[in-house]
Full PDB file with SEQRES, HELIX, SHEET, SSBOND, CRYST1, ORIGX, SCALE, CONECT and MASTER records, all heavy atoms in Angstrom:
SEQRES   1 A   37  LEU GLN VAL LEU VAL ALA LEU MET ASP ALA LEU ASP CYS          
SEQRES   2 A   37  SER ALA ASP ASP LEU ILE GLY LYS ILE ALA ILE PRO ALA          
SEQRES   3 A   37  SER SER ARG GLY THR GLY THR ASP HIS SER SER                  
HELIX    1 AA1 GLN A    2  LEU A   11  1                                  10    
HELIX    2 AA2 ALA A   15  LEU A   18  1                                   4    
HELIX    3 AA3 ALA A   26  SER A   28  5                                   3    
CRYST1    1.000    1.000    1.000  90.00  90.00  90.00 P 1           1          
ORIGX1      1.000000  0.000000  0.000000        0.00000                         
ORIGX2      0.000000  1.000000  0.000000        0.00000                         
ORIGX3      0.000000  0.000000  1.000000        0.00000                         
SCALE1      1.000000  0.000000  0.000000        0.00000                         
SCALE2      0.000000  1.000000  0.000000        0.00000                         
SCALE3      0.000000  0.000000  1.000000        0.00000                         
ATOM      1  N   LEU A   1     -13.810   8.661   8.296  1.00  0.00           N  
ATOM      2  CA  LEU A   1     -13.626   8.722   9.701  1.00  0.00           C  
ATOM      3  C   LEU A   1     -14.957   8.743  10.501  1.00  0.00           C  
ATOM      4  O   LEU A   1     -15.092   8.166  11.602  1.00  0.00           O  
ATOM      5  CB  LEU A   1     -12.865   9.994  10.030  1.00  0.00           C  
ATOM      6  CG  LEU A   1     -11.354   9.944   9.751  1.00  0.00           C  
ATOM      7  CD1 LEU A   1     -10.664  11.215  10.204  1.00  0.00           C  
ATOM      8  CD2 LEU A   1     -10.715   8.687  10.424  1.00  0.00           C  
ATOM      9  N   GLN A   2     -15.998   9.200   9.798  1.00  0.00           N  
ATOM     10  CA  GLN A   2     -17.416   9.151  10.387  1.00  0.00           C  
ATOM     11  C   GLN A   2     -17.850   7.678  10.494  1.00  0.00           C  
ATOM     12  O   GLN A   2     -18.479   7.284  11.521  1.00  0.00           O  
ATOM     13  CB  GLN A   2     -18.393   9.939   9.603  1.00  0.00           C  
ATOM     14  CG  GLN A   2     -18.217  11.418   9.715  1.00  0.00           C  
ATOM     15  CD  GLN A   2     -19.072  12.225   8.855  1.00  0.00           C  
ATOM     16  OE1 GLN A   2     -19.669  11.710   7.879  1.00  0.00           O  
ATOM     17  NE2 GLN A   2     -19.419  13.424   9.250  1.00  0.00           N  
ATOM     18  N   VAL A   3     -17.514   6.850   9.474  1.00  0.00           N  
ATOM     19  CA  VAL A   3     -17.823   5.430   9.531  1.00  0.00           C  
ATOM     20  C   VAL A   3     -16.995   4.777  10.631  1.00  0.00           C  
ATOM     21  O   VAL A   3     -17.504   4.002  11.468  1.00  0.00           O  
ATOM     22  CB  VAL A   3     -17.561   4.697   8.274  1.00  0.00           C  
ATOM     23  CG1 VAL A   3     -17.686   3.281   8.324  1.00  0.00           C  
ATOM     24  CG2 VAL A   3     -18.432   5.278   7.184  1.00  0.00           C  
ATOM     25  N   LEU A   4     -15.753   5.111  10.752  1.00  0.00           N  
ATOM     26  CA  LEU A   4     -14.857   4.546  11.797  1.00  0.00           C  
ATOM     27  C   LEU A   4     -15.427   4.946  13.233  1.00  0.00           C  
ATOM     28  O   LEU A   4     -15.617   4.093  14.138  1.00  0.00           O  
ATOM     29  CB  LEU A   4     -13.456   5.027  11.722  1.00  0.00           C  
ATOM     30  CG  LEU A   4     -12.503   4.615  12.853  1.00  0.00           C  
ATOM     31  CD1 LEU A   4     -12.348   3.061  12.777  1.00  0.00           C  
ATOM     32  CD2 LEU A   4     -11.165   5.163  12.551  1.00  0.00           C  
ATOM     33  N   VAL A   5     -15.825   6.207  13.425  1.00  0.00           N  
ATOM     34  CA  VAL A   5     -16.322   6.587  14.770  1.00  0.00           C  
ATOM     35  C   VAL A   5     -17.656   5.886  15.075  1.00  0.00           C  
ATOM     36  O   VAL A   5     -17.930   5.521  16.150  1.00  0.00           O  
ATOM     37  CB  VAL A   5     -16.495   8.067  14.829  1.00  0.00           C  
ATOM     38  CG1 VAL A   5     -17.256   8.580  16.065  1.00  0.00           C  
ATOM     39  CG2 VAL A   5     -15.083   8.751  14.710  1.00  0.00           C  
ATOM     40  N   ALA A   6     -18.521   5.723  13.993  1.00  0.00           N  
ATOM     41  CA  ALA A   6     -19.837   5.054  14.212  1.00  0.00           C  
ATOM     42  C   ALA A   6     -19.591   3.618  14.601  1.00  0.00           C  
ATOM     43  O   ALA A   6     -20.352   3.091  15.396  1.00  0.00           O  
ATOM     44  CB  ALA A   6     -20.647   5.176  12.941  1.00  0.00           C  
ATOM     45  N   LEU A   7     -18.642   2.989  13.952  1.00  0.00           N  
ATOM     46  CA  LEU A   7     -18.314   1.541  14.334  1.00  0.00           C  
ATOM     47  C   LEU A   7     -17.781   1.483  15.732  1.00  0.00           C  
ATOM     48  O   LEU A   7     -18.216   0.573  16.402  1.00  0.00           O  
ATOM     49  CB  LEU A   7     -17.248   0.979  13.334  1.00  0.00           C  
ATOM     50  CG  LEU A   7     -17.654   0.623  11.959  1.00  0.00           C  
ATOM     51  CD1 LEU A   7     -16.531   0.366  11.093  1.00  0.00           C  
ATOM     52  CD2 LEU A   7     -18.701  -0.541  11.878  1.00  0.00           C  
ATOM     53  N   MET A   8     -16.945   2.403  16.119  1.00  0.00           N  
ATOM     54  CA  MET A   8     -16.398   2.372  17.431  1.00  0.00           C  
ATOM     55  C   MET A   8     -17.590   2.577  18.503  1.00  0.00           C  
ATOM     56  O   MET A   8     -17.543   1.909  19.544  1.00  0.00           O  
ATOM     57  CB  MET A   8     -15.293   3.472  17.628  1.00  0.00           C  
ATOM     58  CG  MET A   8     -14.109   3.155  16.898  1.00  0.00           C  
ATOM     59  SD  MET A   8     -12.688   4.382  16.812  1.00  0.00           S  
ATOM     60  CE  MET A   8     -13.322   5.753  17.792  1.00  0.00           C  
ATOM     61  N   ASP A   9     -18.473   3.504  18.211  1.00  0.00           N  
ATOM     62  CA  ASP A   9     -19.632   3.756  19.057  1.00  0.00           C  
ATOM     63  C   ASP A   9     -20.511   2.596  19.095  1.00  0.00           C  
ATOM     64  O   ASP A   9     -20.946   2.082  20.222  1.00  0.00           O  
ATOM     65  CB  ASP A   9     -20.316   5.013  18.703  1.00  0.00           C  
ATOM     66  CG  ASP A   9     -21.380   5.370  19.722  1.00  0.00           C  
ATOM     67  OD1 ASP A   9     -20.962   5.607  20.906  1.00  0.00           O  
ATOM     68  OD2 ASP A   9     -22.570   5.479  19.378  1.00  0.00           O  
ATOM     69  N   ALA A  10     -20.918   2.075  18.028  1.00  0.00           N  
ATOM     70  CA  ALA A  10     -21.796   0.948  17.844  1.00  0.00           C  
ATOM     71  C   ALA A  10     -21.309  -0.338  18.555  1.00  0.00           C  
ATOM     72  O   ALA A  10     -22.129  -1.072  19.226  1.00  0.00           O  
ATOM     73  CB  ALA A  10     -22.167   0.644  16.365  1.00  0.00           C  
ATOM     74  N   LEU A  11     -20.041  -0.598  18.402  1.00  0.00           N  
ATOM     75  CA  LEU A  11     -19.458  -1.844  18.892  1.00  0.00           C  
ATOM     76  C   LEU A  11     -18.774  -1.589  20.267  1.00  0.00           C  
ATOM     77  O   LEU A  11     -18.207  -2.541  20.832  1.00  0.00           O  
ATOM     78  CB  LEU A  11     -18.428  -2.338  17.971  1.00  0.00           C  
ATOM     79  CG  LEU A  11     -19.071  -2.746  16.586  1.00  0.00           C  
ATOM     80  CD1 LEU A  11     -17.999  -3.112  15.630  1.00  0.00           C  
ATOM     81  CD2 LEU A  11     -20.058  -3.966  16.762  1.00  0.00           C  
ATOM     82  N   ASP A  12     -18.842  -0.403  20.807  1.00  0.00           N  
ATOM     83  CA  ASP A  12     -18.268   0.028  22.063  1.00  0.00           C  
ATOM     84  C   ASP A  12     -16.783  -0.439  22.140  1.00  0.00           C  
ATOM     85  O   ASP A  12     -16.385  -1.221  23.058  1.00  0.00           O  
ATOM     86  CB  ASP A  12     -19.022  -0.580  23.259  1.00  0.00           C  
ATOM     87  CG  ASP A  12     -18.536  -0.049  24.593  1.00  0.00           C  
ATOM     88  OD1 ASP A  12     -18.151   1.204  24.590  1.00  0.00           O  
ATOM     89  OD2 ASP A  12     -18.655  -0.694  25.605  1.00  0.00           O  
ATOM     90  N   CYS A  13     -15.964   0.056  21.181  1.00  0.00           N  
ATOM     91  CA  CYS A  13     -14.592  -0.299  21.117  1.00  0.00           C  
ATOM     92  C   CYS A  13     -13.819   0.905  20.668  1.00  0.00           C  
ATOM     93  O   CYS A  13     -14.322   1.998  20.372  1.00  0.00           O  
ATOM     94  CB  CYS A  13     -14.366  -1.474  20.089  1.00  0.00           C  
ATOM     95  SG  CYS A  13     -14.731  -1.052  18.405  1.00  0.00           S  
ATOM     96  N   SER A  14     -12.434   0.698  20.628  1.00  0.00           N  
ATOM     97  CA  SER A  14     -11.610   1.798  20.201  1.00  0.00           C  
ATOM     98  C   SER A  14     -11.008   1.451  18.836  1.00  0.00           C  
ATOM     99  O   SER A  14     -11.181   0.439  18.304  1.00  0.00           O  
ATOM    100  CB  SER A  14     -10.413   1.926  21.132  1.00  0.00           C  
ATOM    101  OG  SER A  14      -9.580   0.844  21.079  1.00  0.00           O  
ATOM    102  N   ALA A  15     -10.364   2.479  18.241  1.00  0.00           N  
ATOM    103  CA  ALA A  15      -9.755   2.361  16.926  1.00  0.00           C  
ATOM    104  C   ALA A  15      -8.657   1.186  17.001  1.00  0.00           C  
ATOM    105  O   ALA A  15      -8.416   0.418  16.094  1.00  0.00           O  
ATOM    106  CB  ALA A  15      -9.152   3.618  16.426  1.00  0.00           C  
ATOM    107  N   ASP A  16      -7.959   1.132  18.189  1.00  0.00           N  
ATOM    108  CA  ASP A  16      -6.958   0.130  18.364  1.00  0.00           C  
ATOM    109  C   ASP A  16      -7.594  -1.308  18.336  1.00  0.00           C  
ATOM    110  O   ASP A  16      -6.840  -2.285  18.002  1.00  0.00           O  
ATOM    111  CB  ASP A  16      -6.192   0.286  19.728  1.00  0.00           C  
ATOM    112  CG  ASP A  16      -5.331   1.484  19.555  1.00  0.00           C  
ATOM    113  OD1 ASP A  16      -4.874   1.918  18.526  1.00  0.00           O  
ATOM    114  OD2 ASP A  16      -4.910   1.882  20.750  1.00  0.00           O  
ATOM    115  N   ASP A  17      -8.834  -1.471  18.750  1.00  0.00           N  
ATOM    116  CA  ASP A  17      -9.473  -2.721  18.649  1.00  0.00           C  
ATOM    117  C   ASP A  17      -9.805  -3.096  17.249  1.00  0.00           C  
ATOM    118  O   ASP A  17      -9.732  -4.342  16.863  1.00  0.00           O  
ATOM    119  CB  ASP A  17     -10.837  -2.732  19.446  1.00  0.00           C  
ATOM    120  CG  ASP A  17     -10.536  -2.509  20.957  1.00  0.00           C  
ATOM    121  OD1 ASP A  17      -9.543  -2.953  21.460  1.00  0.00           O  
ATOM    122  OD2 ASP A  17     -11.440  -1.888  21.542  1.00  0.00           O  
ATOM    123  N   LEU A  18     -10.088  -2.131  16.340  1.00  0.00           N  
ATOM    124  CA  LEU A  18     -10.450  -2.375  14.992  1.00  0.00           C  
ATOM    125  C   LEU A  18      -9.281  -2.522  14.043  1.00  0.00           C  
ATOM    126  O   LEU A  18      -9.277  -3.201  13.030  1.00  0.00           O  
ATOM    127  CB  LEU A  18     -11.394  -1.356  14.491  1.00  0.00           C  
ATOM    128  CG  LEU A  18     -12.872  -1.324  15.078  1.00  0.00           C  
ATOM    129  CD1 LEU A  18     -13.495   0.010  14.677  1.00  0.00           C  
ATOM    130  CD2 LEU A  18     -13.547  -2.566  14.652  1.00  0.00           C  
ATOM    131  N   ILE A  19      -8.257  -1.808  14.388  1.00  0.00           N  
ATOM    132  CA  ILE A  19      -6.993  -1.674  13.478  1.00  0.00           C  
ATOM    133  C   ILE A  19      -5.800  -2.119  14.202  1.00  0.00           C  
ATOM    134  O   ILE A  19      -5.517  -1.427  15.246  1.00  0.00           O  
ATOM    135  CB  ILE A  19      -6.914  -0.255  12.908  1.00  0.00           C  
ATOM    136  CG1 ILE A  19      -8.146   0.194  12.259  1.00  0.00           C  
ATOM    137  CG2 ILE A  19      -5.701  -0.176  11.979  1.00  0.00           C  
ATOM    138  CD1 ILE A  19      -8.194   1.731  11.980  1.00  0.00           C  
ATOM    139  N   GLY A  20      -5.100  -3.080  13.747  1.00  0.00           N  
ATOM    140  CA  GLY A  20      -3.850  -3.560  14.329  1.00  0.00           C  
ATOM    141  C   GLY A  20      -2.663  -3.172  13.428  1.00  0.00           C  
ATOM    142  O   GLY A  20      -2.674  -3.458  12.233  1.00  0.00           O  
ATOM    143  N   LYS A  21      -1.580  -2.724  14.019  1.00  0.00           N  
ATOM    144  CA  LYS A  21      -0.381  -2.396  13.321  1.00  0.00           C  
ATOM    145  C   LYS A  21       0.412  -3.658  13.174  1.00  0.00           C  
ATOM    146  O   LYS A  21       0.577  -4.403  14.107  1.00  0.00           O  
ATOM    147  CB  LYS A  21       0.375  -1.301  14.054  1.00  0.00           C  
ATOM    148  CG  LYS A  21       1.701  -0.909  13.370  1.00  0.00           C  
ATOM    149  CD  LYS A  21       2.331   0.260  13.950  1.00  0.00           C  
ATOM    150  CE  LYS A  21       2.871  -0.128  15.343  1.00  0.00           C  
ATOM    151  NZ  LYS A  21       3.740   0.868  15.968  1.00  0.00           N  
ATOM    152  N   ILE A  22       1.011  -3.877  11.918  1.00  0.00           N  
ATOM    153  CA  ILE A  22       1.849  -5.051  11.666  1.00  0.00           C  
ATOM    154  C   ILE A  22       3.120  -4.506  11.055  1.00  0.00           C  
ATOM    155  O   ILE A  22       3.185  -3.681  10.134  1.00  0.00           O  
ATOM    156  CB  ILE A  22       1.204  -5.897  10.647  1.00  0.00           C  
ATOM    157  CG1 ILE A  22      -0.132  -6.443  11.125  1.00  0.00           C  
ATOM    158  CG2 ILE A  22       2.102  -7.146  10.385  1.00  0.00           C  
ATOM    159  CD1 ILE A  22      -0.884  -7.299  10.062  1.00  0.00           C  
ATOM    160  N   ALA A  23       4.280  -4.947  11.632  1.00  0.00           N  
ATOM    161  CA  ALA A  23       5.529  -4.601  11.083  1.00  0.00           C  
ATOM    162  C   ALA A  23       6.017  -5.795  10.175  1.00  0.00           C  
ATOM    163  O   ALA A  23       6.020  -6.938  10.517  1.00  0.00           O  
ATOM    164  CB  ALA A  23       6.608  -4.462  12.190  1.00  0.00           C  
ATOM    165  N   ILE A  24       6.363  -5.436   8.907  1.00  0.00           N  
ATOM    166  CA  ILE A  24       6.840  -6.414   8.000  1.00  0.00           C  
ATOM    167  C   ILE A  24       8.351  -6.337   7.835  1.00  0.00           C  
ATOM    168  O   ILE A  24       8.928  -5.288   7.550  1.00  0.00           O  
ATOM    169  CB  ILE A  24       6.235  -6.139   6.546  1.00  0.00           C  
ATOM    170  CG1 ILE A  24       4.663  -6.269   6.709  1.00  0.00           C  
ATOM    171  CG2 ILE A  24       6.720  -7.207   5.524  1.00  0.00           C  
ATOM    172  CD1 ILE A  24       3.932  -5.798   5.489  1.00  0.00           C  
ATOM    173  N   PRO A  25       9.061  -7.347   8.182  1.00  0.00           N  
ATOM    174  CA  PRO A  25      10.509  -7.309   8.058  1.00  0.00           C  
ATOM    175  C   PRO A  25      10.978  -6.906   6.616  1.00  0.00           C  
ATOM    176  O   PRO A  25      10.403  -7.389   5.652  1.00  0.00           O  
ATOM    177  CB  PRO A  25      10.985  -8.736   8.418  1.00  0.00           C  
ATOM    178  CG  PRO A  25       9.800  -9.325   9.135  1.00  0.00           C  
ATOM    179  CD  PRO A  25       8.607  -8.718   8.598  1.00  0.00           C  
ATOM    180  N   ALA A  26      12.059  -6.192   6.562  1.00  0.00           N  
ATOM    181  CA  ALA A  26      12.525  -5.688   5.284  1.00  0.00           C  
ATOM    182  C   ALA A  26      12.926  -6.885   4.365  1.00  0.00           C  
ATOM    183  O   ALA A  26      12.689  -6.780   3.106  1.00  0.00           O  
ATOM    184  CB  ALA A  26      13.808  -4.809   5.479  1.00  0.00           C  
ATOM    185  N   SER A  27      13.336  -8.007   4.882  1.00  0.00           N  
ATOM    186  CA  SER A  27      13.734  -9.140   4.045  1.00  0.00           C  
ATOM    187  C   SER A  27      12.510  -9.747   3.337  1.00  0.00           C  
ATOM    188  O   SER A  27      12.637 -10.379   2.274  1.00  0.00           O  
ATOM    189  CB  SER A  27      14.496 -10.049   4.793  1.00  0.00           C  
ATOM    190  OG  SER A  27      13.654 -10.649   5.828  1.00  0.00           O  
ATOM    191  N   SER A  28      11.356  -9.680   3.862  1.00  0.00           N  
ATOM    192  CA  SER A  28      10.109 -10.347   3.252  1.00  0.00           C  
ATOM    193  C   SER A  28       9.401  -9.392   2.367  1.00  0.00           C  
ATOM    194  O   SER A  28       8.310  -9.829   1.818  1.00  0.00           O  
ATOM    195  CB  SER A  28       9.310 -10.866   4.371  1.00  0.00           C  
ATOM    196  OG  SER A  28       8.604  -9.839   5.111  1.00  0.00           O  
ATOM    197  N   ARG A  29       9.788  -8.096   2.227  1.00  0.00           N  
ATOM    198  CA  ARG A  29       9.098  -7.190   1.379  1.00  0.00           C  
ATOM    199  C   ARG A  29       9.378  -7.519  -0.053  1.00  0.00           C  
ATOM    200  O   ARG A  29      10.507  -8.055  -0.345  1.00  0.00           O  
ATOM    201  CB  ARG A  29       9.457  -5.701   1.543  1.00  0.00           C  
ATOM    202  CG  ARG A  29       8.722  -5.164   2.778  1.00  0.00           C  
ATOM    203  CD  ARG A  29       9.026  -3.649   2.792  1.00  0.00           C  
ATOM    204  NE  ARG A  29      10.333  -3.522   3.507  1.00  0.00           N  
ATOM    205  CZ  ARG A  29      10.960  -2.407   3.514  1.00  0.00           C  
ATOM    206  NH1 ARG A  29      10.536  -1.306   3.008  1.00  0.00           N  
ATOM    207  NH2 ARG A  29      12.149  -2.348   4.183  1.00  0.00           N  
ATOM    208  N   GLY A  30       8.541  -7.295  -0.979  1.00  0.00           N  
ATOM    209  CA  GLY A  30       8.781  -7.492  -2.391  1.00  0.00           C  
ATOM    210  C   GLY A  30       7.508  -7.743  -3.078  1.00  0.00           C  
ATOM    211  O   GLY A  30       6.454  -7.878  -2.493  1.00  0.00           O  
ATOM    212  N   THR A  31       7.553  -7.987  -4.394  1.00  0.00           N  
ATOM    213  CA  THR A  31       6.311  -8.164  -5.134  1.00  0.00           C  
ATOM    214  C   THR A  31       6.092  -9.566  -5.407  1.00  0.00           C  
ATOM    215  O   THR A  31       4.993  -9.997  -5.727  1.00  0.00           O  
ATOM    216  CB  THR A  31       6.412  -7.432  -6.432  1.00  0.00           C  
ATOM    217  OG1 THR A  31       7.634  -7.892  -7.174  1.00  0.00           O  
ATOM    218  CG2 THR A  31       6.467  -5.940  -6.262  1.00  0.00           C  
ATOM    219  N   GLY A  32       7.130 -10.511  -5.297  1.00  0.00           N  
ATOM    220  CA  GLY A  32       6.816 -11.876  -5.575  1.00  0.00           C  
ATOM    221  C   GLY A  32       7.452 -12.757  -4.480  1.00  0.00           C  
ATOM    222  O   GLY A  32       8.170 -12.280  -3.602  1.00  0.00           O  
ATOM    223  N   THR A  33       7.399 -14.047  -4.718  1.00  0.00           N  
ATOM    224  CA  THR A  33       7.971 -14.940  -3.703  1.00  0.00           C  
ATOM    225  C   THR A  33       9.364 -15.325  -4.165  1.00  0.00           C  
ATOM    226  O   THR A  33      10.138 -15.779  -3.324  1.00  0.00           O  
ATOM    227  CB  THR A  33       7.060 -16.207  -3.613  1.00  0.00           C  
ATOM    228  OG1 THR A  33       6.898 -16.769  -4.825  1.00  0.00           O  
ATOM    229  CG2 THR A  33       5.717 -15.879  -2.946  1.00  0.00           C  
ATOM    230  N   ASP A  34       9.680 -15.179  -5.364  1.00  0.00           N  
ATOM    231  CA  ASP A  34      11.024 -15.494  -5.872  1.00  0.00           C  
ATOM    232  C   ASP A  34      11.930 -14.263  -5.691  1.00  0.00           C  
ATOM    233  O   ASP A  34      11.619 -13.244  -6.204  1.00  0.00           O  
ATOM    234  CB  ASP A  34      10.901 -15.929  -7.359  1.00  0.00           C  
ATOM    235  CG  ASP A  34      12.214 -16.425  -7.960  1.00  0.00           C  
ATOM    236  OD1 ASP A  34      13.163 -16.603  -7.179  1.00  0.00           O  
ATOM    237  OD2 ASP A  34      12.310 -16.736  -9.141  1.00  0.00           O  
ATOM    238  N   HIS A  35      13.061 -14.485  -5.115  1.00  0.00           N  
ATOM    239  CA  HIS A  35      13.964 -13.386  -4.838  1.00  0.00           C  
ATOM    240  C   HIS A  35      15.068 -13.316  -5.854  1.00  0.00           C  
ATOM    241  O   HIS A  35      16.006 -12.541  -5.700  1.00  0.00           O  
ATOM    242  CB  HIS A  35      14.514 -13.491  -3.364  1.00  0.00           C  
ATOM    243  CG  HIS A  35      13.531 -13.445  -2.368  1.00  0.00           C  
ATOM    244  ND1 HIS A  35      12.866 -12.317  -2.031  1.00  0.00           N  
ATOM    245  CD2 HIS A  35      12.995 -14.358  -1.585  1.00  0.00           C  
ATOM    246  CE1 HIS A  35      12.039 -12.430  -1.067  1.00  0.00           C  
ATOM    247  NE2 HIS A  35      12.098 -13.783  -0.725  1.00  0.00           N  
ATOM    248  N   SER A  36      14.997 -14.013  -6.947  1.00  0.00           N  
ATOM    249  CA  SER A  36      15.990 -13.911  -8.058  1.00  0.00           C  
ATOM    250  C   SER A  36      15.734 -12.638  -8.822  1.00  0.00           C  
ATOM    251  O   SER A  36      14.645 -12.159  -8.945  1.00  0.00           O  
ATOM    252  CB  SER A  36      15.921 -15.102  -8.913  1.00  0.00           C  
ATOM    253  OG  SER A  36      14.636 -15.291  -9.443  1.00  0.00           O  
ATOM    254  N   SER A  37      16.787 -12.146  -9.423  1.00  0.00           N  
ATOM    255  CA  SER A  37      16.686 -10.887 -10.178  1.00  0.00           C  
ATOM    256  C   SER A  37      16.201 -11.197 -11.512  1.00  0.00           C  
ATOM    257  O   SER A  37      16.500 -12.311 -12.136  1.00  0.00           O  
ATOM    258  CB  SER A  37      18.006 -10.109 -10.177  1.00  0.00           C  
ATOM    259  OG  SER A  37      18.714 -10.438 -11.300  1.00  0.00           O  
TER     260      SER A  37                                                      
MASTER        0    0    0    3    0    0    0    6  259    1    0    3          
END                                                                             
């Protein structure tokens, strides 16, 4: 968190500018691209 705060101060930005939330639909979750069992 000290690194994060230093980045925010040095770049004059907020945590929201550096980190963006992404929602992944349940249907696309998985370990591979093939959905066969």
